[in-house]
C-alpha cells in the first residue's frame, strides 16, 4: 500500500491520458497554417526556435515563412478579385 508521499499508480494514469488527449487535438494555429500550404516553413521556424532558443538566429526560416504567407495572401486576393469579377458579369 503506498504511503502518504506516494500517491500510487492510479494517480499518475489520468494525467497521462489527459496529456495524450491534448496531444491528439490539433492546434488551431497549425490547422490554419496547414490550409495556407506553408506548414513546412512554419515547422522549420518552430524547429529552429526550439533548437536555438533565440528568434534572431532563425531569420532565414522566418523570412521563408513570411514569403510563403505573403504569396498565399496574394493568391487569395486574386481569387477573391476573380470571384467578384465573375459575379458582376453574371448579375
N, C-alpha and C. Protein backbone atom coordinates (compact mmCIF):
# COMPACT_ATOMS: atom_id res chain seq x y z
N UNK A 1 0.84 -1.18 0.00
CA UNK A 1 0.00 0.00 0.00
C UNK A 1 0.89 1.24 0.00
N UNK A 2 0.65 2.21 -0.91
CA UNK A 2 1.51 3.38 -0.97
C UNK A 2 1.36 4.25 0.25
N UNK A 3 2.45 4.88 0.65
CA UNK A 3 2.43 5.76 1.80
C UNK A 3 1.91 7.14 1.42
N UNK A 4 1.85 8.07 2.39
CA UNK A 4 1.30 9.40 2.12
C UNK A 4 2.11 10.18 1.09
N UNK A 5 3.39 9.93 0.97
CA UNK A 5 4.22 10.64 0.00
C UNK A 5 4.15 10.06 -1.40
N UNK A 6 3.50 8.88 -1.52
CA UNK A 6 3.42 8.20 -2.80
C UNK A 6 1.96 8.01 -3.16
N UNK A 7 1.44 8.76 -4.11
CA UNK A 7 0.02 8.68 -4.43
C UNK A 7 -0.41 7.37 -5.06
N UNK A 8 0.51 6.58 -5.53
CA UNK A 8 0.13 5.31 -6.14
C UNK A 8 0.04 5.43 -7.65
N UNK A 9 -0.06 4.28 -8.29
CA UNK A 9 -0.03 4.23 -9.74
C UNK A 9 -1.24 4.89 -10.39
N UNK A 10 -2.42 4.73 -9.83
CA UNK A 10 -3.63 5.24 -10.45
C UNK A 10 -3.65 6.76 -10.53
N UNK A 11 -2.99 7.45 -9.62
CA UNK A 11 -2.99 8.90 -9.61
C UNK A 11 -2.32 9.44 -10.88
N UNK A 12 -1.22 8.85 -11.29
CA UNK A 12 -0.49 9.35 -12.45
C UNK A 12 -1.14 8.96 -13.77
N UNK A 13 -1.94 7.94 -13.77
CA UNK A 13 -2.54 7.46 -15.01
C UNK A 13 -3.48 8.48 -15.66
N UNK A 14 -4.43 9.13 -14.96
CA UNK A 14 -5.30 10.10 -15.62
C UNK A 14 -4.53 11.26 -16.23
N UNK A 15 -3.49 11.73 -15.56
CA UNK A 15 -2.71 12.83 -16.10
C UNK A 15 -2.10 12.43 -17.44
N UNK A 16 -1.60 11.23 -17.55
CA UNK A 16 -1.02 10.75 -18.80
C UNK A 16 -2.08 10.68 -19.89
N UNK A 17 -3.26 10.19 -19.53
CA UNK A 17 -4.34 10.10 -20.51
C UNK A 17 -4.76 11.49 -20.97
N UNK A 18 -4.81 12.47 -20.06
CA UNK A 18 -5.17 13.84 -20.43
C UNK A 18 -4.13 14.42 -21.36
N UNK A 19 -2.84 14.16 -21.09
CA UNK A 19 -1.77 14.66 -21.96
C UNK A 19 -1.93 14.09 -23.36
N UNK A 20 -2.21 12.79 -23.45
CA UNK A 20 -2.36 12.16 -24.76
C UNK A 20 -3.55 12.75 -25.51
N UNK A 21 -4.65 13.02 -24.79
CA UNK A 21 -5.82 13.62 -25.44
C UNK A 21 -5.49 15.01 -25.95
N UNK A 22 -4.75 15.80 -25.16
CA UNK A 22 -4.37 17.14 -25.59
C UNK A 22 -3.46 17.08 -26.81
N UNK A 23 -2.55 16.13 -26.85
CA UNK A 23 -1.64 15.99 -27.97
C UNK A 23 -2.39 15.59 -29.24
N UNK A 24 -3.48 14.83 -29.09
CA UNK A 24 -4.23 14.38 -30.25
C UNK A 24 -5.05 15.52 -30.87
N UNK A 25 -5.45 16.51 -30.06
CA UNK A 25 -6.22 17.63 -30.57
C UNK A 25 -5.30 18.50 -31.43
N UNK A 26 -5.80 18.89 -32.60
CA UNK A 26 -4.98 19.71 -33.48
C UNK A 26 -4.99 21.14 -33.01
N UNK A 27 -3.82 21.73 -32.99
CA UNK A 27 -3.66 23.12 -32.62
C UNK A 27 -4.33 23.98 -33.70
N UNK A 28 -5.18 24.94 -33.31
CA UNK A 28 -5.86 25.77 -34.31
C UNK A 28 -4.89 26.55 -35.20
N UNK A 29 -3.76 26.97 -34.64
CA UNK A 29 -2.77 27.69 -35.44
C UNK A 29 -2.17 26.75 -36.48
N UNK A 30 -1.83 25.52 -36.07
CA UNK A 30 -1.29 24.55 -37.01
C UNK A 30 -2.30 24.26 -38.12
N UNK A 31 -3.57 24.15 -37.75
CA UNK A 31 -4.60 23.88 -38.75
C UNK A 31 -4.70 25.03 -39.75
N UNK A 32 -4.67 26.26 -39.25
CA UNK A 32 -4.75 27.43 -40.12
C UNK A 32 -3.54 27.49 -41.06
N UNK A 33 -2.36 27.28 -40.52
CA UNK A 33 -1.15 27.32 -41.33
C UNK A 33 -1.16 26.21 -42.37
N UNK A 34 -1.64 25.04 -42.00
CA UNK A 34 -1.70 23.91 -42.94
C UNK A 34 -2.58 24.26 -44.14
N UNK A 35 -3.66 24.99 -43.90
CA UNK A 35 -4.56 25.38 -45.00
C UNK A 35 -3.88 26.36 -45.97
N UNK A 36 -2.88 27.07 -45.52
CA UNK A 36 -2.19 28.03 -46.39
C UNK A 36 -1.19 27.37 -47.30
N UNK A 37 -0.77 26.16 -46.96
CA UNK A 37 0.28 25.49 -47.73
C UNK A 37 1.67 25.86 -47.24
N UNK A 38 1.77 26.54 -46.11
CA UNK A 38 3.06 26.99 -45.58
C UNK A 38 3.47 26.22 -44.32
N UNK A 39 2.91 25.05 -44.13
CA UNK A 39 3.17 24.28 -42.91
C UNK A 39 4.65 23.90 -42.78
N UNK A 40 5.28 23.54 -43.87
CA UNK A 40 6.69 23.13 -43.80
C UNK A 40 7.56 24.29 -43.31
N UNK A 41 7.28 25.48 -43.83
CA UNK A 41 8.04 26.66 -43.40
C UNK A 41 7.76 26.99 -41.94
N UNK A 42 6.51 26.84 -41.52
CA UNK A 42 6.14 27.11 -40.14
C UNK A 42 6.83 26.13 -39.20
N UNK A 43 6.86 24.87 -39.58
CA UNK A 43 7.52 23.86 -38.74
C UNK A 43 9.03 24.11 -38.69
N UNK A 44 9.60 24.62 -39.79
CA UNK A 44 11.03 24.95 -39.78
C UNK A 44 11.32 26.07 -38.78
N UNK A 45 10.44 27.06 -38.72
CA UNK A 45 10.60 28.13 -37.73
C UNK A 45 10.51 27.55 -36.33
N UNK A 46 9.51 26.71 -36.09
CA UNK A 46 9.34 26.12 -34.76
C UNK A 46 10.55 25.28 -34.37
N UNK A 47 11.06 24.49 -35.31
CA UNK A 47 12.21 23.63 -35.01
C UNK A 47 13.44 24.48 -34.70
N UNK A 48 13.64 25.53 -35.47
CA UNK A 48 14.78 26.42 -35.24
C UNK A 48 14.66 27.07 -33.87
N UNK A 49 13.47 27.56 -33.56
CA UNK A 49 13.27 28.21 -32.27
C UNK A 49 13.51 27.24 -31.11
N UNK A 50 13.09 26.00 -31.27
CA UNK A 50 13.31 25.00 -30.23
C UNK A 50 14.81 24.72 -30.06
N UNK A 51 15.52 24.69 -31.16
CA UNK A 51 16.94 24.37 -31.11
C UNK A 51 17.78 25.57 -30.65
N UNK A 52 17.46 26.74 -31.16
CA UNK A 52 18.29 27.92 -30.92
C UNK A 52 17.88 28.73 -29.70
N UNK A 53 16.59 28.67 -29.33
CA UNK A 53 16.07 29.45 -28.22
C UNK A 53 16.30 30.96 -28.40
N UNK A 54 16.43 31.40 -29.66
CA UNK A 54 16.66 32.81 -29.96
C UNK A 54 16.15 33.08 -31.37
N UNK A 55 15.06 33.82 -31.48
CA UNK A 55 14.45 34.06 -32.79
C UNK A 55 15.40 34.76 -33.75
N UNK A 56 16.35 35.50 -33.23
CA UNK A 56 17.29 36.22 -34.11
C UNK A 56 18.16 35.26 -34.91
N UNK A 57 18.34 34.06 -34.41
CA UNK A 57 19.14 33.06 -35.12
C UNK A 57 18.32 32.28 -36.14
N UNK A 58 17.05 32.60 -36.24
CA UNK A 58 16.15 31.85 -37.12
C UNK A 58 15.59 32.74 -38.24
N UNK A 59 16.30 33.79 -38.58
CA UNK A 59 15.77 34.75 -39.53
C UNK A 59 15.57 34.16 -40.93
N UNK A 60 16.41 33.23 -41.34
CA UNK A 60 16.21 32.61 -42.66
C UNK A 60 14.88 31.85 -42.70
N UNK A 61 14.59 31.12 -41.64
CA UNK A 61 13.34 30.35 -41.57
C UNK A 61 12.14 31.29 -41.46
N UNK A 62 12.28 32.35 -40.66
CA UNK A 62 11.20 33.32 -40.51
C UNK A 62 10.91 33.98 -41.86
N UNK A 63 11.95 34.36 -42.57
CA UNK A 63 11.77 35.01 -43.87
C UNK A 63 11.10 34.08 -44.87
N UNK A 64 11.49 32.82 -44.89
CA UNK A 64 10.87 31.86 -45.81
C UNK A 64 9.39 31.69 -45.48
N UNK A 65 9.05 31.63 -44.20
CA UNK A 65 7.65 31.52 -43.79
C UNK A 65 6.89 32.79 -44.17
N UNK A 66 7.48 33.94 -43.94
CA UNK A 66 6.86 35.22 -44.28
C UNK A 66 6.57 35.29 -45.78
N UNK A 67 7.54 34.89 -46.59
CA UNK A 67 7.36 34.93 -48.05
C UNK A 67 6.27 33.97 -48.50
N UNK A 68 6.23 32.79 -47.90
CA UNK A 68 5.19 31.82 -48.24
C UNK A 68 3.82 32.38 -47.91
N UNK A 69 3.68 32.96 -46.72
CA UNK A 69 2.39 33.51 -46.31
C UNK A 69 1.99 34.69 -47.20
N UNK A 70 2.94 35.54 -47.56
CA UNK A 70 2.64 36.68 -48.43
C UNK A 70 2.17 36.20 -49.79
N UNK A 71 2.82 35.17 -50.32
CA UNK A 71 2.40 34.62 -51.61
C UNK A 71 1.00 34.05 -51.52
N UNK A 72 0.70 33.37 -50.45
CA UNK A 72 -0.64 32.82 -50.25
C UNK A 72 -1.68 33.94 -50.17
N UNK A 73 -1.34 35.03 -49.49
CA UNK A 73 -2.26 36.17 -49.41
C UNK A 73 -2.49 36.79 -50.79
N UNK A 74 -1.43 36.88 -51.59
CA UNK A 74 -1.59 37.40 -52.96
C UNK A 74 -2.50 36.49 -53.77
N UNK A 75 -2.30 35.19 -53.65
CA UNK A 75 -3.14 34.23 -54.37
C UNK A 75 -4.59 34.35 -53.94
N UNK A 76 -4.81 34.47 -52.65
CA UNK A 76 -6.18 34.56 -52.12
C UNK A 76 -6.84 35.86 -52.59
N UNK A 77 -6.11 36.96 -52.58
CA UNK A 77 -6.67 38.23 -53.05
C UNK A 77 -7.05 38.13 -54.52
N UNK A 78 -6.22 37.47 -55.31
CA UNK A 78 -6.52 37.30 -56.74
C UNK A 78 -7.76 36.42 -56.92
N UNK A 79 -7.88 35.37 -56.12
CA UNK A 79 -9.07 34.51 -56.19
C UNK A 79 -10.33 35.32 -55.87
N UNK A 80 -10.25 36.17 -54.87
CA UNK A 80 -11.40 36.99 -54.50
C UNK A 80 -11.75 37.99 -55.60
N UNK A 81 -10.73 38.60 -56.21
CA UNK A 81 -10.98 39.53 -57.33
C UNK A 81 -11.66 38.82 -58.49
N UNK A 82 -11.20 37.63 -58.80
CA UNK A 82 -11.81 36.87 -59.89
C UNK A 82 -13.25 36.51 -59.57
N UNK A 83 -13.48 36.10 -58.33
CA UNK A 83 -14.84 35.72 -57.92
C UNK A 83 -15.78 36.93 -57.99
N UNK A 84 -15.31 38.08 -57.58
CA UNK A 84 -16.13 39.28 -57.63
C UNK A 84 -16.38 39.69 -59.07
N UNK A 85 -15.34 39.56 -59.87
CA UNK A 85 -15.47 39.92 -61.30
C UNK A 85 -16.45 39.02 -62.02
N UNK A 86 -16.40 37.73 -61.75
CA UNK A 86 -17.33 36.81 -62.41
C UNK A 86 -18.73 36.99 -61.88
N UNK A 87 -18.89 37.38 -60.63
CA UNK A 87 -20.19 37.62 -60.05
C UNK A 87 -20.87 38.81 -60.70
N UNK A 88 -20.12 39.84 -61.03
CA UNK A 88 -20.68 41.03 -61.66
C UNK A 88 -21.15 40.72 -63.09
N UNK A 89 -20.36 39.87 -63.77
CA UNK A 89 -20.72 39.55 -65.16
C UNK A 89 -22.01 38.73 -65.20
N UNK A 90 -22.25 37.91 -64.17
CA UNK A 90 -23.46 37.09 -64.14
C UNK A 90 -24.69 37.88 -63.70
N UNK A 91 -24.49 38.95 -62.91
CA UNK A 91 -25.62 39.65 -62.31
C UNK A 91 -26.01 40.79 -63.07
